[in-house]
């Protein structure tokens, strides 16, 4: 098997869609959040058409040692945002007359991230259609057993993202990689604050020009990944058989 084909297969086996972001401010709350909140989507299923939305809040005591708790609201069909704001989260809606502007948020004293058995908490919007979770393609009727499998898939992928952050933020790892000390603080897989202009509308003409000149292109881009992967594998296999 050629190096190109091995590389394509490696991308196929390791592909995951992930869009986690650290949230430091929220409309309705005065000042920066006094705790660490991460929100995002994780793709479920082979083609990751199901996008499950989550809120992750770190324990305010010892996040590395405190347990990880998965919170699911009932229904089925209720967003776990209800649990975060009404039951055991570090924020709550302020009880006041609604005047047409963004409702106010206040800190709580009873959050499970800071009292009793402190924990890191994942609030998950499930099943698909609940809260901000959605599917790119139509899905049929779901059930308890189907949702258990989807939640299991979510947890496995989320844990991998957690591990990479632990690994990349380990000082011994940084020394081994020869990262210049003091140049970076917390490592995050995606930095959405980088000033950046997408001034290339389409890269297709560039790939077409490379093909005309005899160069092969590996095109890799999230939702179009499997389409181009199929083209890449077909092209590579054709070359193998022809040679």
Protein backbone atom coordinates (compact mmCIF):
# COMPACT_ATOMS: atom_id res chain seq x y z
CA UNK A 1 0.00 0.00 0.00
CA UNK A 2 1.43 3.40 -0.98
CA UNK A 3 2.16 6.21 1.47
CA UNK A 4 -0.63 8.36 -0.02
CA UNK A 5 -3.26 5.65 0.43
CA UNK A 6 -2.09 4.99 4.00
CA UNK A 7 -2.39 8.70 4.75
CA UNK A 8 -5.92 8.85 3.33
CA UNK A 9 -6.99 5.85 5.40
CA UNK A 10 -5.44 7.39 8.52
CA UNK A 11 -7.47 10.56 8.00
CA UNK A 12 -10.60 8.49 7.46
CA UNK A 13 -10.13 6.54 10.70
CA UNK A 14 -9.19 9.52 12.86
CA UNK A 15 -11.70 12.09 11.55
CA UNK A 16 -13.89 13.82 14.13
CA UNK A 17 -15.78 17.10 13.93
CA UNK A 18 -15.26 19.22 17.01
CA UNK A 19 -15.98 22.87 17.71
CA UNK A 20 -15.43 23.53 21.41
CA UNK A 21 -14.95 27.13 22.55
CA UNK A 22 -14.14 28.67 25.93
CA UNK A 23 -16.86 31.19 26.82
CA UNK A 24 -15.65 34.06 29.01
CA UNK A 25 -18.63 36.42 28.82
CA UNK A 26 -22.40 35.91 28.54
CA UNK A 27 -25.09 38.48 27.73
CA UNK A 28 -27.06 39.24 30.89
CA UNK A 29 -24.13 38.57 33.25
CA UNK A 30 -22.00 41.48 34.47
CA UNK A 31 -18.27 41.01 33.91
CA UNK A 32 -16.30 37.87 33.05
CA UNK A 33 -17.66 34.50 34.15
CA UNK A 34 -16.18 33.42 37.52
CA UNK A 35 -15.82 29.82 36.30
CA UNK A 36 -14.63 28.03 33.16
CA UNK A 37 -17.35 27.30 30.62
CA UNK A 38 -16.82 25.46 27.34
CA UNK A 39 -19.54 24.93 24.77
CA UNK A 40 -19.56 23.23 21.40
CA UNK A 41 -20.73 20.43 19.15
CA UNK A 42 -19.45 16.89 18.78
CA UNK A 43 -20.40 14.83 15.74
CA UNK A 44 -22.08 11.46 16.31
CA UNK A 45 -22.23 8.52 13.91
CA UNK A 46 -19.98 7.39 11.08
CA UNK A 47 -20.53 10.53 9.01
CA UNK A 48 -21.15 12.70 12.09
CA UNK A 49 -24.37 14.15 10.68
CA UNK A 50 -25.76 14.34 14.22
CA UNK A 51 -24.29 17.34 16.02
CA UNK A 52 -24.74 17.16 19.79
CA UNK A 53 -24.43 20.42 21.72
CA UNK A 54 -22.90 20.47 25.18
CA UNK A 55 -21.98 22.82 28.02
CA UNK A 56 -18.92 21.81 30.05
CA UNK A 57 -18.22 23.54 33.38
CA UNK A 58 -15.05 22.81 35.30
CA UNK A 59 -15.08 22.14 39.02
CA UNK A 60 -14.13 25.29 40.93
CA UNK A 61 -12.06 23.31 43.43
CA UNK A 62 -9.79 20.71 41.82
CA UNK A 63 -10.91 19.90 38.25
CA UNK A 64 -8.09 17.39 37.68
CA UNK A 65 -9.09 15.29 40.70
CA UNK A 66 -12.83 15.91 41.00
CA UNK A 67 -15.19 13.51 39.18
CA UNK A 68 -16.86 14.14 35.83
CA UNK A 69 -20.66 14.22 35.93
CA UNK A 70 -22.92 13.92 32.88
CA UNK A 71 -26.24 15.74 33.37
CA UNK A 72 -29.24 14.83 31.20
CA UNK A 73 -32.63 16.52 31.54
CA UNK A 74 -35.75 14.43 31.24
CA UNK A 75 -38.62 14.57 28.83
CA UNK A 76 -37.36 13.05 26.65
CA UNK A 77 -36.67 16.17 24.62
CA UNK A 78 -35.68 18.72 27.27
CA UNK A 79 -32.49 20.77 26.97
CA UNK A 80 -29.99 20.39 29.80
CA UNK A 81 -29.73 24.17 29.86
CA UNK A 82 -32.70 23.90 32.20
CA UNK A 83 -30.62 21.90 34.67
CA UNK A 84 -27.75 24.37 34.37
CA UNK A 85 -29.87 27.45 35.05
CA UNK A 86 -32.63 26.05 37.29
CA UNK A 87 -31.12 23.19 39.30
CA UNK A 88 -27.41 22.81 39.93
CA UNK A 89 -25.35 25.16 37.76
CA UNK A 90 -23.21 28.17 38.74
CA UNK A 91 -25.65 30.57 37.02
CA UNK A 92 -29.35 31.27 37.40
CA UNK A 93 -31.86 33.60 35.78
CA UNK A 94 -32.64 36.65 37.89
CA UNK A 95 -36.31 36.76 38.84
CA UNK A 96 -37.48 40.13 37.57
CA UNK A 97 -40.11 41.65 35.30
CA UNK A 98 -39.20 41.12 31.64
CA UNK A 99 -38.72 44.48 29.92
CA UNK A 100 -37.79 43.31 26.44
CA UNK A 101 -34.01 43.20 26.90
CA UNK A 102 -31.78 40.19 27.57
CA UNK A 103 -32.77 38.57 30.91
CA UNK A 104 -30.17 38.94 33.67
CA UNK A 105 -28.02 36.13 35.01
CA UNK A 106 -26.63 35.87 38.55
CA UNK A 107 -24.13 33.59 40.29
CA UNK A 108 -25.45 30.82 42.53
CA UNK A 109 -24.12 29.47 45.83
CA UNK A 110 -25.43 25.93 45.38
CA UNK A 111 -23.71 24.87 42.16
CA UNK A 112 -22.45 21.29 42.12
CA UNK A 113 -19.20 22.65 40.72
CA UNK A 114 -18.44 24.42 44.01
CA UNK A 115 -20.29 22.78 46.95
CA UNK A 116 -20.56 19.34 48.58
CA UNK A 117 -19.09 16.68 46.26
CA UNK A 118 -17.67 19.10 43.70
CA UNK A 119 -17.62 17.88 40.11
CA UNK A 120 -16.85 18.81 36.54
CA UNK A 121 -20.22 18.78 34.76
CA UNK A 122 -21.23 18.15 31.15
CA UNK A 123 -24.75 19.36 30.37
CA UNK A 124 -25.84 17.55 27.20
CA UNK A 125 -28.66 18.51 24.84
CA UNK A 126 -30.17 15.18 23.81
CA UNK A 127 -31.91 13.53 22.04
CA UNK A 128 -31.26 15.28 18.73
CA UNK A 129 -33.71 18.16 18.41
CA UNK A 130 -33.46 19.04 22.09
CA UNK A 131 -31.84 22.39 22.88
CA UNK A 132 -29.22 23.32 20.28
CA UNK A 133 -28.47 19.77 19.08
CA UNK A 134 -29.37 19.13 15.45
CA UNK A 135 -28.91 16.76 12.53
CA UNK A 136 -27.66 17.63 9.05
CA UNK A 137 -29.84 14.91 7.56
CA UNK A 138 -33.37 13.71 8.43
CA UNK A 139 -33.41 11.08 11.20
CA UNK A 140 -36.12 8.60 12.07
CA UNK A 141 -37.72 7.75 15.37
CA UNK A 142 -35.26 7.33 18.24
CA UNK A 143 -35.41 5.27 21.43
CA UNK A 144 -33.72 4.71 24.80
CA UNK A 145 -31.27 2.17 23.37
CA UNK A 146 -30.39 4.36 20.36
CA UNK A 147 -29.79 7.37 22.60
CA UNK A 148 -27.62 5.35 24.99
CA UNK A 149 -25.37 4.42 22.05
CA UNK A 150 -25.21 8.04 20.90
CA UNK A 151 -24.33 9.27 24.38
CA UNK A 152 -21.64 6.59 24.62
CA UNK A 153 -20.22 7.79 21.29
CA UNK A 154 -20.25 11.39 22.55
CA UNK A 155 -18.42 10.52 25.77
CA UNK A 156 -15.74 8.53 23.94
CA UNK A 157 -15.01 11.40 21.57
CA UNK A 158 -15.19 14.06 24.27
CA UNK A 159 -12.68 12.11 26.36
CA UNK A 160 -10.23 12.04 23.46
CA UNK A 161 -10.42 15.83 23.19
CA UNK A 162 -9.88 16.08 26.95
CA UNK A 163 -6.80 13.85 26.72
CA UNK A 164 -5.17 15.89 23.95
CA UNK A 165 -5.50 19.06 26.04
CA UNK A 166 -3.98 17.31 29.07
CA UNK A 167 -1.12 16.03 26.91
CA UNK A 168 -0.38 19.33 25.14
CA UNK A 169 -0.44 21.29 28.42
CA UNK A 170 1.99 18.95 30.18
CA UNK A 171 5.34 20.69 30.75
CA UNK A 172 7.31 17.51 29.97
CA UNK A 173 5.54 17.24 26.62
CA UNK A 174 6.35 20.86 25.79
CA UNK A 175 9.99 20.29 26.66
CA UNK A 176 10.10 17.17 24.46
CA UNK A 177 8.56 19.13 21.56
CA UNK A 178 11.05 21.98 22.15
CA UNK A 179 8.32 24.57 22.63
CA UNK A 180 9.85 27.90 23.65
CA UNK A 181 9.05 28.32 27.32
CA UNK A 182 6.80 31.23 28.24
CA UNK A 183 5.51 31.84 24.71
CA UNK A 184 2.14 30.10 25.21
CA UNK A 185 -0.19 29.77 28.13
CA UNK A 186 -3.04 27.27 28.05
CA UNK A 187 -3.03 25.18 24.86
CA UNK A 188 -6.46 24.91 23.20
CA UNK A 189 -7.14 22.84 20.10
CA UNK A 190 -8.90 25.74 18.37
CA UNK A 191 -8.28 29.45 18.88
CA UNK A 192 -11.30 31.33 17.54
CA UNK A 193 -9.94 34.75 18.58
CA UNK A 194 -7.22 34.94 15.88
CA UNK A 195 -7.89 37.96 13.59
CA UNK A 196 -8.31 36.36 10.17
CA UNK A 197 -9.87 37.27 6.83
CA UNK A 198 -11.13 34.49 4.54
CA UNK A 199 -10.14 36.31 1.37
CA UNK A 200 -9.93 33.23 -0.86
CA UNK A 201 -13.52 32.52 -1.87
CA UNK A 202 -12.76 29.11 -3.39
CA UNK A 203 -9.62 26.97 -3.53
CA UNK A 204 -10.99 24.88 -6.42
CA UNK A 205 -9.17 26.89 -9.16
CA UNK A 206 -5.84 26.36 -7.36
CA UNK A 207 -6.43 22.59 -7.11
CA UNK A 208 -7.50 22.52 -10.76
CA UNK A 209 -4.31 24.33 -11.76
CA UNK A 210 -2.23 21.83 -9.77
CA UNK A 211 -4.01 18.94 -11.51
CA UNK A 212 -3.32 20.46 -14.94
CA UNK A 213 0.37 20.65 -14.02
CA UNK A 214 0.38 17.00 -12.99
CA UNK A 215 0.24 17.42 -9.19
CA UNK A 216 -2.20 15.42 -7.06
CA UNK A 217 -4.25 17.15 -4.35
CA UNK A 218 -5.60 15.88 -1.05
CA UNK A 219 -8.65 18.03 -0.28
CA UNK A 220 -9.73 17.80 3.34
CA UNK A 221 -12.51 19.91 4.73
CA UNK A 222 -14.98 18.80 7.42
CA UNK A 223 -18.41 18.22 5.86
CA UNK A 224 -16.95 17.58 2.41
CA UNK A 225 -14.28 15.23 3.77
CA UNK A 226 -15.88 11.90 2.89
CA UNK A 227 -16.76 13.06 -0.62
CA UNK A 228 -13.20 14.10 -1.42
CA UNK A 229 -11.78 11.12 0.48
CA UNK A 230 -13.71 8.82 -1.84
CA UNK A 231 -12.31 10.68 -4.85
CA UNK A 232 -8.82 10.48 -3.38
CA UNK A 233 -9.03 6.76 -2.65
CA UNK A 234 -10.48 6.02 -6.09
CA UNK A 235 -7.75 8.05 -7.76
CA UNK A 236 -5.01 6.38 -5.73
CA UNK A 237 -6.38 2.87 -6.31
CA UNK A 238 -6.63 3.61 -10.05
CA UNK A 239 -2.97 4.54 -10.05
CA UNK A 240 -2.09 1.36 -8.18
CA UNK A 241 -3.92 -0.86 -10.65
CA UNK A 242 -2.55 1.01 -13.64
CA UNK A 243 0.97 0.66 -12.32
